[in-house]
PDB file of N, CA and C in Angstrom:
ATOM      1  N   MET A   1      -6.828  -9.472 -22.897  1.00  0.00           N
ATOM      2  CA  MET A   1      -5.767  -9.613 -22.724  1.00  0.00           C
ATOM      3  C   MET A   1      -4.747  -7.429 -23.180  1.00  0.00           C
ATOM      4  N   ASP A   2      -4.841  -6.830 -22.780  1.00  0.00           N
ATOM      5  CA  ASP A   2      -4.487  -5.563 -23.102  1.00  0.00           C
ATOM      6  C   ASP A   2      -2.744  -5.630 -23.801  1.00  0.00           C
ATOM      7  N   LEU A   3      -2.628  -5.197 -25.264  1.00  0.00           N
ATOM      8  CA  LEU A   3      -1.577  -5.097 -25.598  1.00  0.00           C
ATOM      9  C   LEU A   3      -0.251  -4.383 -24.736  1.00  0.00           C
ATOM     10  N   ASP A   4      -0.504  -3.285 -23.913  1.00  0.00           N
ATOM     11  CA  ASP A   4       0.329  -3.084 -23.311  1.00  0.00           C
ATOM     12  C   ASP A   4       1.134  -4.986 -21.788  1.00  0.00           C
ATOM     13  N   ASP A   5      -0.060  -5.434 -21.648  1.00  0.00           N
ATOM     14  CA  ASP A   5       0.503  -6.230 -21.569  1.00  0.00           C
ATOM     15  C   ASP A   5       1.108  -7.282 -21.938  1.00  0.00           C
ATOM     16  N   LEU A   6       0.834  -7.256 -23.192  1.00  0.00           N
ATOM     17  CA  LEU A   6       1.981  -8.538 -23.967  1.00  0.00           C
ATOM     18  C   LEU A   6       3.410  -7.625 -24.596  1.00  0.00           C
ATOM     19  N   PHE A   7       2.814  -6.502 -24.485  1.00  0.00           N
ATOM     20  CA  PHE A   7       4.302  -6.242 -25.419  1.00  0.00           C
ATOM     21  C   PHE A   7       4.907  -4.571 -24.415  1.00  0.00           C
ATOM     22  N   PRO A   8       5.471  -4.673 -22.740  1.00  0.00           N
ATOM     23  CA  PRO A   8       5.683  -3.233 -22.080  1.00  0.00           C
ATOM     24  C   PRO A   8       6.800  -2.172 -23.081  1.00  0.00           C
ATOM     25  N   SER A   9       6.422  -1.051 -22.589  1.00  0.00           N
ATOM     26  CA  SER A   9       6.954  -0.353 -23.023  1.00  0.00           C
ATOM     27  C   SER A   9       8.205  -0.041 -22.748  1.00  0.00           C
ATOM     28  N   LYS A  10       9.571   0.260 -23.120  1.00  0.00           N
ATOM     29  CA  LYS A  10      10.738   0.286 -21.450  1.00  0.00           C
ATOM     30  C   LYS A  10      10.143   1.281 -20.508  1.00  0.00           C
ATOM     31  N   PRO A  11      11.213   0.788 -19.464  1.00  0.00           N
ATOM     32  CA  PRO A  11      10.841   1.170 -18.302  1.00  0.00           C
ATOM     33  C   PRO A  11      11.161   2.821 -18.146  1.00  0.00           C
ATOM     34  N   GLY A  12      10.387   3.642 -17.638  1.00  0.00           N
ATOM     35  CA  GLY A  12      10.386   5.289 -17.836  1.00  0.00           C
ATOM     36  C   GLY A  12      10.557   5.556 -19.352  1.00  0.00           C
ATOM     37  N   ASP A  13      10.448   5.165 -20.440  1.00  0.00           N
ATOM     38  CA  ASP A  13       9.661   5.129 -21.312  1.00  0.00           C
ATOM     39  C   ASP A  13       9.273   6.767 -21.136  1.00  0.00           C
ATOM     40  N   PRO A  14       9.797   8.135 -21.849  1.00  0.00           N
ATOM     41  CA  PRO A  14       9.100   9.285 -22.170  1.00  0.00           C
ATOM     42  C   PRO A  14       8.447  10.269 -23.006  1.00  0.00           C
ATOM     43  N   MET A  15       8.063   9.126 -23.598  1.00  0.00           N
ATOM     44  CA  MET A  15       6.696   9.003 -24.898  1.00  0.00           C
ATOM     45  C   MET A  15       5.840   8.637 -24.257  1.00  0.00           C
ATOM     46  N   VAL A  16       5.754   7.484 -23.513  1.00  0.00           N
ATOM     47  CA  VAL A  16       4.821   7.242 -22.607  1.00  0.00           C
ATOM     48  C   VAL A  16       4.090   8.320 -21.682  1.00  0.00           C
ATOM     49  N   GLU A  17       5.377   8.272 -20.623  1.00  0.00           N
ATOM     50  CA  GLU A  17       5.261   9.441 -19.041  1.00  0.00           C
ATOM     51  C   GLU A  17       4.607  11.222 -20.118  1.00  0.00           C
ATOM     52  N   LEU A  18       4.797  11.055 -20.711  1.00  0.00           N
ATOM     53  CA  LEU A  18       4.340  12.193 -22.266  1.00  0.00           C
ATOM     54  C   LEU A  18       3.087  12.135 -22.800  1.00  0.00           C
ATOM     55  N   ALA A  19       3.123  10.926 -22.530  1.00  0.00           N
ATOM     56  CA  ALA A  19       1.042  10.936 -23.548  1.00  0.00           C
ATOM     57  C   ALA A  19      -0.005  11.058 -21.746  1.00  0.00           C
ATOM     58  N   LYS A  20       0.905  10.554 -20.989  1.00  0.00           N
ATOM     59  CA  LYS A  20       0.310   9.996 -19.930  1.00  0.00           C
ATOM     60  C   LYS A  20      -0.256  11.795 -18.626  1.00  0.00           C
ATOM     61  N   GLN A  21       0.679  12.936 -19.092  1.00  0.00           N
ATOM     62  CA  GLN A  21       0.336  13.427 -18.895  1.00  0.00           C
ATOM     63  C   GLN A  21      -0.572  14.390 -18.166  1.00  0.00           C
ATOM     64  N   ASP A  22      -1.126  15.132 -17.347  1.00  0.00           N
ATOM     65  CA  ASP A  22      -2.298  15.792 -18.041  1.00  0.00           C
ATOM     66  C   ASP A  22      -2.159  16.661 -17.806  1.00  0.00           C
ATOM     67  N   LEU A  23      -3.038  17.411 -19.152  1.00  0.00           N
ATOM     68  CA  LEU A  23      -3.716  18.541 -19.595  1.00  0.00           C
ATOM     69  C   LEU A  23      -3.592  20.139 -19.189  1.00  0.00           C
ATOM     70  N   ASP A  24      -4.631  19.466 -18.122  1.00  0.00           N
ATOM     71  CA  ASP A  24      -5.791  20.267 -17.609  1.00  0.00           C
ATOM     72  C   ASP A  24      -4.877  21.513 -16.533  1.00  0.00           C
ATOM     73  N   PRO A  25      -4.056  21.706 -15.845  1.00  0.00           N
ATOM     74  CA  PRO A  25      -3.806  22.495 -15.044  1.00  0.00           C
ATOM     75  C   PRO A  25      -3.001  23.488 -16.271  1.00  0.00           C
ATOM     76  N   MET A  26      -2.162  22.771 -16.657  1.00  0.00           N
ATOM     77  CA  MET A  26      -1.936  24.190 -17.751  1.00  0.00           C
ATOM     78  C   MET A  26      -2.494  25.002 -18.886  1.00  0.00           C
ATOM     79  N   SER A  27      -1.524  26.523 -18.977  1.00  0.00           N
ATOM     80  CA  SER A  27      -2.656  27.210 -19.296  1.00  0.00           C
ATOM     81  C   SER A  27      -2.398  26.796 -20.465  1.00  0.00           C
ATOM     82  N   ILE A  28      -2.496  28.113 -22.058  1.00  0.00           N
ATOM     83  CA  ILE A  28      -2.960  28.002 -22.686  1.00  0.00           C
ATOM     84  C   ILE A  28      -1.949  28.178 -23.239  1.00  0.00           C
ATOM     85  N   GLU A  29      -0.907  29.315 -22.295  1.00  0.00           N
ATOM     86  CA  GLU A  29       0.551  29.604 -23.181  1.00  0.00           C
ATOM     87  C   GLU A  29       1.388  28.697 -23.022  1.00  0.00           C
ATOM     88  N   GLU A  30       1.850  27.849 -21.610  1.00  0.00           N
ATOM     89  CA  GLU A  30       2.105  26.640 -21.548  1.00  0.00           C
ATOM     90  C   GLU A  30       1.663  25.611 -22.770  1.00  0.00           C
ATOM     91  N   LEU A  31       0.294  25.675 -23.159  1.00  0.00           N
ATOM     92  CA  LEU A  31       0.173  24.811 -23.578  1.00  0.00           C
ATOM     93  C   LEU A  31       0.690  24.830 -25.203  1.00  0.00           C
ATOM     94  N   HIS A  32       1.654  25.718 -25.854  1.00  0.00           N
ATOM     95  CA  HIS A  32       1.784  26.826 -26.883  1.00  0.00           C
ATOM     96  C   HIS A  32       3.123  26.142 -27.023  1.00  0.00           C
ATOM     97  N   ALA A  33       3.667  26.775 -25.265  1.00  0.00           N
ATOM     98  CA  ALA A  33       4.994  26.665 -25.348  1.00  0.00           C
ATOM     99  C   ALA A  33       5.422  24.424 -25.255  1.00  0.00           C
ATOM    100  N   ARG A  34       4.171  23.419 -24.679  1.00  0.00           N
ATOM    101  CA  ARG A  34       4.544  22.445 -25.146  1.00  0.00           C
ATOM    102  C   ARG A  34       4.710  21.927 -26.588  1.00  0.00           C
ATOM    103  N   ILE A  35       3.570  22.604 -27.542  1.00  0.00           N
ATOM    104  CA  ILE A  35       3.902  22.308 -29.130  1.00  0.00           C
ATOM    105  C   ILE A  35       4.344  23.240 -29.921  1.00  0.00           C
ATOM    106  N   GLU A  36       5.402  23.987 -29.583  1.00  0.00           N
ATOM    107  CA  GLU A  36       6.308  24.194 -29.537  1.00  0.00           C
ATOM    108  C   GLU A  36       7.292  23.153 -30.238  1.00  0.00           C
ATOM    109  N   ALA A  37       7.498  23.243 -28.667  1.00  0.00           N
ATOM    110  CA  ALA A  37       8.583  21.948 -28.229  1.00  0.00           C
ATOM    111  C   ALA A  37       9.099  20.533 -28.750  1.00  0.00           C
ATOM    112  N   LEU A  38       7.591  19.704 -28.629  1.00  0.00           N
ATOM    113  CA  LEU A  38       6.850  19.180 -29.922  1.00  0.00           C
ATOM    114  C   LEU A  38       7.772  19.386 -31.299  1.00  0.00           C
ATOM    115  N   LYS A  39       7.258  19.944 -31.844  1.00  0.00           N
ATOM    116  CA  LYS A  39       7.515  19.931 -32.796  1.00  0.00           C
ATOM    117  C   LYS A  39       8.635  20.227 -33.357  1.00  0.00           C
ATOM    118  N   ALA A  40       9.767  20.976 -32.203  1.00  0.00           N
ATOM    119  CA  ALA A  40      11.345  20.661 -33.111  1.00  0.00           C
ATOM    120  C   ALA A  40      11.627  19.834 -32.739  1.00  0.00           C
ATOM    121  N   GLU A  41      11.125  18.678 -31.887  1.00  0.00           N
ATOM    122  CA  GLU A  41      11.339  17.415 -31.467  1.00  0.00           C
ATOM    123  C   GLU A  41      11.087  16.515 -32.503  1.00  0.00           C
ATOM    124  N   ILE A  42       9.855  16.686 -32.893  1.00  0.00           N
ATOM    125  CA  ILE A  42       9.678  16.218 -34.566  1.00  0.00           C
ATOM    126  C   ILE A  42      10.567  16.893 -35.383  1.00  0.00           C
ATOM    127  N   ALA A  43      10.953  17.727 -35.542  1.00  0.00           N
ATOM    128  CA  ALA A  43      12.017  18.145 -36.638  1.00  0.00           C
ATOM    129  C   ALA A  43      13.634  17.711 -36.366  1.00  0.00           C
ATOM    130  N   ARG A  44      14.093  17.364 -34.675  1.00  0.00           N
ATOM    131  CA  ARG A  44      15.385  16.861 -35.123  1.00  0.00           C
ATOM    132  C   ARG A  44      14.873  14.893 -35.010  1.00  0.00           C
ATOM    133  N   VAL A  45      14.043  14.759 -35.319  1.00  0.00           N
ATOM    134  CA  VAL A  45      14.042  13.358 -35.409  1.00  0.00           C
ATOM    135  C   VAL A  45      14.201  12.743 -37.103  1.00  0.00           C
ATOM    136  N   GLU A  46      13.064  14.146 -37.483  1.00  0.00           N
ATOM    137  CA  GLU A  46      12.655  13.946 -39.042  1.00  0.00           C
ATOM    138  C   GLU A  46      14.923  14.234 -39.534  1.00  0.00           C
ATOM    139  N   GLN A  47      14.812  15.423 -39.151  1.00  0.00           N
ATOM    140  CA  GLN A  47      16.539  15.225 -39.787  1.00  0.00           C
ATOM    141  C   GLN A  47      18.081  13.979 -39.680  1.00  0.00           C
ATOM    142  N   HIS A  48      17.476  13.437 -38.349  1.00  0.00           N
ATOM    143  CA  HIS A  48      18.164  12.534 -38.317  1.00  0.00           C
ATOM    144  C   HIS A  48      18.322  11.225 -39.069  1.00  0.00           C
ATOM    145  N   MET A  49      16.558  10.916 -39.321  1.00  0.00           N
ATOM    146  CA  MET A  49      16.227  10.282 -39.876  1.00  0.00           C
ATOM    147  C   MET A  49      16.794  10.386 -41.365  1.00  0.00           C
ATOM    148  N   GLN A  50      16.503  11.664 -41.992  1.00  0.00           N
ATOM    149  CA  GLN A  50      17.134  11.803 -43.349  1.00  0.00           C
ATOM    150  C   GLN A  50      18.585  11.411 -43.167  1.00  0.00           C
ATOM    151  N   ARG A  51      19.683  11.769 -42.317  1.00  0.00           N
ATOM    152  CA  ARG A  51      21.294  11.777 -42.216  1.00  0.00           C
ATOM    153  C   ARG A  51      21.680   9.830 -42.340  1.00  0.00           C
ATOM    154  N   ALA A  52      20.414   9.799 -41.309  1.00  0.00           N
ATOM    155  CA  ALA A  52      19.917   7.801 -41.765  1.00  0.00           C
ATOM    156  C   ALA A  52      20.330   7.969 -42.829  1.00  0.00           C
ATOM    157  N   GLN A  53      19.111   7.646 -43.146  1.00  0.00           N
ATOM    158  CA  GLN A  53      18.664   7.190 -45.066  1.00  0.00           C
ATOM    159  C   GLN A  53      19.796   7.991 -45.563  1.00  0.00           C
ATOM    160  N   VAL A  54      21.171   8.959 -45.828  1.00  0.00           N
ATOM    161  CA  VAL A  54      22.066   9.331 -46.843  1.00  0.00           C
ATOM    162  C   VAL A  54      23.001   8.077 -46.416  1.00  0.00           C
ATOM    163  N   HIS A  55      23.591   8.305 -45.357  1.00  0.00           N
ATOM    164  CA  HIS A  55      24.211   6.877 -44.505  1.00  0.00           C
ATOM    165  C   HIS A  55      24.125   5.986 -45.199  1.00  0.00           C
ATOM    166  N   ARG A  56      22.676   5.560 -45.203  1.00  0.00           N
ATOM    167  CA  ARG A  56      22.671   4.185 -45.348  1.00  0.00           C
ATOM    168  C   ARG A  56      22.923   3.917 -46.826  1.00  0.00           C
ATOM    169  N   SER A  57      22.185   4.948 -47.239  1.00  0.00           N
ATOM    170  CA  SER A  57      21.827   4.609 -49.322  1.00  0.00           C
ATOM    171  C   SER A  57      23.813   4.538 -49.948  1.00  0.00           C
ATOM    172  N   ALA A  58      24.698   5.390 -48.692  1.00  0.00           N
ATOM    173  CA  ALA A  58      25.998   5.489 -49.484  1.00  0.00           C
ATOM    174  C   ALA A  58      26.678   3.846 -48.638  1.00  0.00           C
ATOM    175  N   ALA A  59      26.508   3.364 -48.191  1.00  0.00           N
ATOM    176  CA  ALA A  59      27.029   2.114 -47.956  1.00  0.00           C
ATOM    177  C   ALA A  59      26.334   0.851 -49.063  1.00  0.00           C
ATOM    178  N   GLU A  60      25.139   1.143 -48.794  1.00  0.00           N
ATOM    179  CA  GLU A  60      24.515   0.491 -50.204  1.00  0.00           C
ATOM    180  C   GLU A  60      25.248  -0.136 -50.688  1.00  0.00           C
ATOM    181  N   ASP A  61      25.044   1.719 -51.244  1.00  0.00           N
ATOM    182  CA  ASP A  61      26.171   2.404 -52.867  1.00  0.00           C
ATOM    183  C   ASP A  61      27.528   1.377 -52.405  1.00  0.00           C
ATOM    184  N   LEU A  62      28.108   1.634 -51.587  1.00  0.00           N
ATOM    185  CA  LEU A  62      29.651   1.205 -51.398  1.00  0.00           C
ATOM    186  C   LEU A  62      29.739  -0.559 -51.604  1.00  0.00           C
ATOM    187  N   PHE A  63      28.912  -1.344 -50.777  1.00  0.00           N
ATOM    188  CA  PHE A  63      28.877  -2.701 -51.087  1.00  0.00           C
ATOM    189  C   PHE A  63      27.810  -2.922 -51.745  1.00  0.00           C
ATOM    190  N   LYS A  64      27.474  -2.225 -53.358  1.00  0.00           N
ATOM    191  CA  LYS A  64      26.580  -3.016 -53.727  1.00  0.00           C
ATOM    192  C   LYS A  64      27.852  -4.113 -55.081  1.00  0.00           C
ATOM    193  N   LYS A  65      27.348  -5.022 -55.245  1.00  0.00           N
ATOM    194  CA  LYS A  65      27.722  -5.750 -56.520  1.00  0.00           C
ATOM    195  C   LYS A  65      27.479  -5.443 -57.542  1.00  0.00           C
ATOM    196  N   SER A  66      28.516  -5.105 -58.496  1.00  0.00           N
ATOM    197  CA  SER A  66      28.116  -4.579 -60.040  1.00  0.00           C
ATOM    198  C   SER A  66      28.588  -6.064 -60.667  1.00  0.00           C
TER     199      SER A  66
END
């Protein structure tokens, strides 16, 4: 049994669809553009993670027992 059968991804998960996309018909320029778009998305996610960590740390400090 495949792990995807046990733990299916969310319906229409964009990451799954992105990974399934055939790269063969894409030109070098299109592939470079795709890489740049993915790098921008990675940076956006990393920034969000950093803000979430700062927020979490602030909340933990606020509710920390003295």
